[in-house]
């Protein structure tokens, strides 16, 4: 669900203060994007939006969420955007976020 090695690497690379800023920015941006996707029917631009979410998720080690975004991105790229399970993507994010916050103090 979470690539803890990536989390450790990121924290060591940026230090605790900047790491916390990165986490806050990530959570804010992802939640804003998911908020705009939740309950929507139009799927224009979905492939690009999921690609962006996937990249952000991988940067912070949210592997399960990234995998769901990748699956949705692939469907959208093949012309099947209506088949993308946005609820499953949001649920994966919620699970990853919960696990992450339970193990990363101060986030």
N, C-alpha and C. Protein backbone atom coordinates (compact mmCIF):
# COMPACT_ATOMS: atom_id res chain seq x y z
N UNK A 1 0.82 -1.18 0.00
CA UNK A 1 0.00 0.00 0.00
C UNK A 1 0.87 1.26 0.00
N UNK A 2 1.90 1.27 0.86
CA UNK A 2 2.83 2.39 0.94
C UNK A 2 4.25 1.87 0.74
N UNK A 3 5.01 2.55 -0.07
CA UNK A 3 6.43 2.22 -0.25
C UNK A 3 7.20 3.01 0.82
N UNK A 4 7.40 2.37 1.97
CA UNK A 4 8.03 3.05 3.10
C UNK A 4 9.48 3.41 2.82
N UNK A 5 10.15 2.66 1.97
CA UNK A 5 11.51 3.02 1.58
C UNK A 5 11.52 4.37 0.87
N UNK A 6 10.52 4.59 0.02
CA UNK A 6 10.41 5.88 -0.70
C UNK A 6 10.15 7.02 0.28
N UNK A 7 9.30 6.77 1.26
CA UNK A 7 8.99 7.79 2.26
C UNK A 7 10.27 8.16 3.02
N UNK A 8 11.02 7.16 3.44
CA UNK A 8 12.27 7.40 4.17
C UNK A 8 13.25 8.17 3.30
N UNK A 9 13.36 7.76 2.06
CA UNK A 9 14.27 8.43 1.11
C UNK A 9 13.90 9.90 0.95
N UNK A 10 12.64 10.16 0.79
CA UNK A 10 12.17 11.54 0.61
C UNK A 10 12.44 12.38 1.85
N UNK A 11 12.17 11.81 3.01
CA UNK A 11 12.40 12.52 4.27
C UNK A 11 13.88 12.82 4.46
N UNK A 12 14.74 11.86 4.14
CA UNK A 12 16.18 12.06 4.28
C UNK A 12 16.70 13.08 3.27
N UNK A 13 16.12 13.07 2.08
CA UNK A 13 16.56 13.98 1.03
C UNK A 13 16.21 15.43 1.33
N UNK A 14 15.03 15.65 1.91
CA UNK A 14 14.55 17.01 2.10
C UNK A 14 14.59 17.50 3.55
N UNK A 15 14.76 16.61 4.50
CA UNK A 15 14.71 17.01 5.91
C UNK A 15 13.27 17.06 6.39
N UNK A 16 13.12 17.02 7.71
CA UNK A 16 11.78 16.93 8.28
C UNK A 16 10.86 18.09 7.92
N UNK A 17 11.37 19.31 8.00
CA UNK A 17 10.53 20.48 7.73
C UNK A 17 10.01 20.51 6.31
N UNK A 18 10.91 20.36 5.35
CA UNK A 18 10.50 20.37 3.95
C UNK A 18 9.66 19.14 3.61
N UNK A 19 9.96 18.02 4.24
CA UNK A 19 9.17 16.81 4.02
C UNK A 19 7.72 17.06 4.43
N UNK A 20 7.52 17.69 5.57
CA UNK A 20 6.16 17.99 6.03
C UNK A 20 5.45 18.91 5.05
N UNK A 21 6.19 19.88 4.50
CA UNK A 21 5.59 20.77 3.49
C UNK A 21 5.18 20.00 2.24
N UNK A 22 6.03 19.06 1.83
CA UNK A 22 5.74 18.22 0.65
C UNK A 22 4.48 17.39 0.90
N UNK A 23 4.39 16.80 2.08
CA UNK A 23 3.23 15.97 2.42
C UNK A 23 1.96 16.82 2.41
N UNK A 24 2.02 17.98 3.03
CA UNK A 24 0.85 18.86 3.07
C UNK A 24 0.41 19.27 1.67
N UNK A 25 1.37 19.66 0.85
CA UNK A 25 1.06 20.05 -0.53
C UNK A 25 0.45 18.87 -1.30
N UNK A 26 1.05 17.70 -1.17
CA UNK A 26 0.54 16.50 -1.84
C UNK A 26 -0.90 16.23 -1.43
N UNK A 27 -1.16 16.18 -0.13
CA UNK A 27 -2.51 15.88 0.34
C UNK A 27 -3.52 16.92 -0.13
N UNK A 28 -3.15 18.18 -0.06
CA UNK A 28 -4.06 19.25 -0.50
C UNK A 28 -4.37 19.14 -1.99
N UNK A 29 -3.34 18.94 -2.80
CA UNK A 29 -3.55 18.88 -4.25
C UNK A 29 -4.33 17.63 -4.66
N UNK A 30 -3.98 16.49 -4.08
CA UNK A 30 -4.69 15.26 -4.44
C UNK A 30 -6.14 15.34 -4.02
N UNK A 31 -6.40 15.84 -2.82
CA UNK A 31 -7.78 15.91 -2.36
C UNK A 31 -8.60 16.90 -3.19
N UNK A 32 -7.99 17.98 -3.61
CA UNK A 32 -8.71 18.92 -4.48
C UNK A 32 -9.04 18.26 -5.82
N UNK A 33 -8.08 17.55 -6.38
CA UNK A 33 -8.30 16.88 -7.67
C UNK A 33 -9.35 15.77 -7.53
N UNK A 34 -9.23 14.97 -6.49
CA UNK A 34 -10.22 13.90 -6.29
C UNK A 34 -11.60 14.49 -6.02
N UNK A 35 -11.64 15.60 -5.30
CA UNK A 35 -12.91 16.26 -5.04
C UNK A 35 -13.60 16.68 -6.32
N UNK A 36 -12.81 17.13 -7.28
CA UNK A 36 -13.40 17.54 -8.56
C UNK A 36 -13.81 16.33 -9.41
N UNK A 37 -13.23 15.17 -9.13
CA UNK A 37 -13.59 13.97 -9.89
C UNK A 37 -14.74 13.19 -9.27
N UNK A 38 -14.90 13.27 -7.95
CA UNK A 38 -15.94 12.49 -7.26
C UNK A 38 -17.32 12.88 -7.78
N UNK A 39 -18.05 11.89 -8.16
CA UNK A 39 -19.43 12.10 -8.57
C UNK A 39 -19.61 12.77 -9.93
N UNK A 40 -18.54 12.89 -10.69
CA UNK A 40 -18.68 13.53 -12.00
C UNK A 40 -18.93 12.48 -13.07
N UNK A 41 -19.67 12.88 -14.07
CA UNK A 41 -19.91 12.01 -15.21
C UNK A 41 -18.97 12.33 -16.37
N UNK A 42 -18.76 13.61 -16.68
CA UNK A 42 -17.88 13.91 -17.81
C UNK A 42 -16.47 13.37 -17.55
N UNK A 43 -15.92 12.76 -18.54
CA UNK A 43 -14.60 12.14 -18.38
C UNK A 43 -13.56 12.78 -19.29
N UNK A 44 -13.82 14.01 -19.74
CA UNK A 44 -12.85 14.70 -20.58
C UNK A 44 -11.60 15.00 -19.77
N UNK A 45 -10.45 14.71 -20.35
CA UNK A 45 -9.18 14.99 -19.70
C UNK A 45 -8.84 14.03 -18.58
N UNK A 46 -9.62 12.97 -18.42
CA UNK A 46 -9.41 12.04 -17.31
C UNK A 46 -8.05 11.37 -17.39
N UNK A 47 -7.63 10.98 -18.56
CA UNK A 47 -6.33 10.30 -18.71
C UNK A 47 -5.20 11.16 -18.14
N UNK A 48 -5.16 12.43 -18.51
CA UNK A 48 -4.11 13.32 -18.03
C UNK A 48 -4.20 13.58 -16.54
N UNK A 49 -5.40 13.70 -16.04
CA UNK A 49 -5.58 13.94 -14.60
C UNK A 49 -5.11 12.74 -13.78
N UNK A 50 -5.44 11.55 -14.25
CA UNK A 50 -5.01 10.35 -13.55
C UNK A 50 -3.50 10.15 -13.67
N UNK A 51 -2.95 10.52 -14.81
CA UNK A 51 -1.50 10.43 -14.99
C UNK A 51 -0.78 11.33 -13.97
N UNK A 52 -1.29 12.52 -13.80
CA UNK A 52 -0.71 13.46 -12.84
C UNK A 52 -0.84 12.94 -11.41
N UNK A 53 -2.00 12.42 -11.07
CA UNK A 53 -2.20 11.85 -9.73
C UNK A 53 -1.27 10.67 -9.50
N UNK A 54 -1.12 9.83 -10.51
CA UNK A 54 -0.23 8.67 -10.40
C UNK A 54 1.20 9.11 -10.09
N UNK A 55 1.69 10.11 -10.82
CA UNK A 55 3.04 10.59 -10.60
C UNK A 55 3.24 11.14 -9.20
N UNK A 56 2.28 11.91 -8.74
CA UNK A 56 2.35 12.46 -7.39
C UNK A 56 2.34 11.34 -6.35
N UNK A 57 1.48 10.36 -6.57
CA UNK A 57 1.37 9.24 -5.64
C UNK A 57 2.67 8.45 -5.56
N UNK A 58 3.29 8.20 -6.69
CA UNK A 58 4.55 7.46 -6.69
C UNK A 58 5.66 8.24 -6.00
N UNK A 59 5.66 9.56 -6.15
CA UNK A 59 6.67 10.38 -5.50
C UNK A 59 6.61 10.27 -3.98
N UNK A 60 5.42 10.09 -3.43
CA UNK A 60 5.27 10.01 -1.98
C UNK A 60 5.13 8.57 -1.49
N UNK A 61 5.17 7.60 -2.40
CA UNK A 61 5.14 6.20 -1.99
C UNK A 61 3.75 5.59 -1.85
N UNK A 62 2.73 6.25 -2.37
CA UNK A 62 1.36 5.73 -2.30
C UNK A 62 1.15 4.74 -3.45
N UNK A 63 1.71 3.55 -3.32
CA UNK A 63 1.75 2.60 -4.43
C UNK A 63 0.37 2.05 -4.83
N UNK A 64 -0.47 1.74 -3.86
CA UNK A 64 -1.80 1.21 -4.20
C UNK A 64 -2.61 2.27 -4.95
N UNK A 65 -2.58 3.49 -4.47
CA UNK A 65 -3.28 4.58 -5.13
C UNK A 65 -2.73 4.80 -6.53
N UNK A 66 -1.41 4.78 -6.67
CA UNK A 66 -0.78 4.95 -7.98
C UNK A 66 -1.22 3.85 -8.95
N UNK A 67 -1.30 2.61 -8.46
CA UNK A 67 -1.71 1.50 -9.31
C UNK A 67 -3.15 1.67 -9.79
N UNK A 68 -4.03 2.15 -8.92
CA UNK A 68 -5.42 2.41 -9.33
C UNK A 68 -5.49 3.53 -10.36
N UNK A 69 -4.67 4.56 -10.16
CA UNK A 69 -4.63 5.66 -11.13
C UNK A 69 -4.12 5.16 -12.47
N UNK A 70 -3.10 4.30 -12.45
CA UNK A 70 -2.54 3.74 -13.68
C UNK A 70 -3.59 2.93 -14.43
N UNK A 71 -4.33 2.12 -13.71
CA UNK A 71 -5.37 1.31 -14.35
C UNK A 71 -6.43 2.21 -15.00
N UNK A 72 -6.82 3.26 -14.28
CA UNK A 72 -7.79 4.20 -14.83
C UNK A 72 -7.24 4.97 -16.02
N UNK A 73 -5.99 5.36 -15.91
CA UNK A 73 -5.33 6.07 -17.00
C UNK A 73 -5.31 5.21 -18.27
N UNK A 74 -5.00 3.94 -18.10
CA UNK A 74 -4.95 3.03 -19.25
C UNK A 74 -6.32 2.87 -19.89
N UNK A 75 -7.34 2.74 -19.06
CA UNK A 75 -8.70 2.64 -19.60
C UNK A 75 -9.07 3.90 -20.37
N UNK A 76 -8.79 5.05 -19.77
CA UNK A 76 -9.12 6.31 -20.43
C UNK A 76 -8.36 6.46 -21.74
N UNK A 77 -7.10 6.03 -21.76
CA UNK A 77 -6.29 6.13 -22.97
C UNK A 77 -6.84 5.25 -24.09
N UNK A 78 -7.49 4.15 -23.71
CA UNK A 78 -8.03 3.25 -24.72
C UNK A 78 -9.44 3.63 -25.15
N UNK A 79 -9.91 4.78 -24.66
CA UNK A 79 -11.24 5.25 -25.05
C UNK A 79 -12.36 4.76 -24.15
N UNK A 80 -12.01 4.16 -23.03
CA UNK A 80 -13.01 3.61 -22.13
C UNK A 80 -13.08 4.40 -20.82
N UNK A 81 -13.03 5.71 -20.91
CA UNK A 81 -13.02 6.56 -19.71
C UNK A 81 -14.26 6.34 -18.85
N UNK A 82 -15.38 6.00 -19.46
CA UNK A 82 -16.60 5.78 -18.68
C UNK A 82 -16.51 4.55 -17.79
N UNK A 83 -15.56 3.66 -18.08
CA UNK A 83 -15.39 2.44 -17.28
C UNK A 83 -14.44 2.63 -16.10
N UNK A 84 -13.81 3.78 -16.00
CA UNK A 84 -12.88 4.03 -14.90
C UNK A 84 -13.67 4.09 -13.60
N UNK A 85 -13.22 3.31 -12.64
CA UNK A 85 -13.89 3.23 -11.34
C UNK A 85 -13.30 4.30 -10.41
N UNK A 86 -13.86 5.50 -10.49
CA UNK A 86 -13.36 6.61 -9.67
C UNK A 86 -13.55 6.35 -8.19
N UNK A 87 -14.60 5.64 -7.82
CA UNK A 87 -14.82 5.33 -6.40
C UNK A 87 -13.69 4.46 -5.86
N UNK A 88 -13.24 3.49 -6.65
CA UNK A 88 -12.14 2.62 -6.22
C UNK A 88 -10.84 3.41 -6.10
N UNK A 89 -10.64 4.37 -6.99
CA UNK A 89 -9.45 5.22 -6.93
C UNK A 89 -9.48 6.05 -5.66
N UNK A 90 -10.62 6.64 -5.36
CA UNK A 90 -10.76 7.46 -4.15
C UNK A 90 -10.59 6.62 -2.88
N UNK A 91 -11.15 5.42 -2.89
CA UNK A 91 -11.02 4.51 -1.75
C UNK A 91 -9.56 4.12 -1.53
N UNK A 92 -8.85 3.85 -2.61
CA UNK A 92 -7.43 3.50 -2.49
C UNK A 92 -6.64 4.66 -1.89
N UNK A 93 -6.96 5.87 -2.33
CA UNK A 93 -6.29 7.04 -1.75
C UNK A 93 -6.59 7.15 -0.26
N UNK A 94 -7.85 7.00 0.11
CA UNK A 94 -8.23 7.11 1.52
C UNK A 94 -7.50 6.08 2.37
N UNK A 95 -7.38 4.84 1.88
CA UNK A 95 -6.66 3.80 2.63
C UNK A 95 -5.19 4.14 2.77
N UNK A 96 -4.58 4.57 1.66
CA UNK A 96 -3.16 4.92 1.70
C UNK A 96 -2.92 6.09 2.65
N UNK A 97 -3.76 7.09 2.55
CA UNK A 97 -3.61 8.27 3.40
C UNK A 97 -3.72 7.88 4.87
N UNK A 98 -4.69 7.07 5.20
CA UNK A 98 -4.90 6.64 6.57
C UNK A 98 -3.68 5.89 7.10
N UNK A 99 -3.18 4.96 6.31
CA UNK A 99 -2.00 4.19 6.75
C UNK A 99 -0.78 5.11 6.87
N UNK A 100 -0.61 6.00 5.90
CA UNK A 100 0.52 6.92 5.92
C UNK A 100 0.49 7.80 7.17
N UNK A 101 -0.65 8.42 7.44
CA UNK A 101 -0.76 9.34 8.56
C UNK A 101 -0.62 8.63 9.90
N UNK A 102 -0.98 7.35 9.95
CA UNK A 102 -0.84 6.61 11.21
C UNK A 102 0.61 6.29 11.54
N UNK A 103 1.48 6.32 10.52
CA UNK A 103 2.90 5.97 10.75
C UNK A 103 3.87 7.13 10.59
N UNK A 104 3.41 8.24 10.06
CA UNK A 104 4.29 9.39 9.85
C UNK A 104 3.87 10.49 10.81
N UNK A 105 4.60 10.62 11.90
CA UNK A 105 4.23 11.64 12.90
C UNK A 105 4.31 13.05 12.32
N UNK A 106 3.35 13.88 12.75
CA UNK A 106 3.37 15.27 12.37
C UNK A 106 2.80 15.57 11.01
N UNK A 107 2.30 14.58 10.29
CA UNK A 107 1.75 14.81 8.96
C UNK A 107 0.30 15.18 9.03
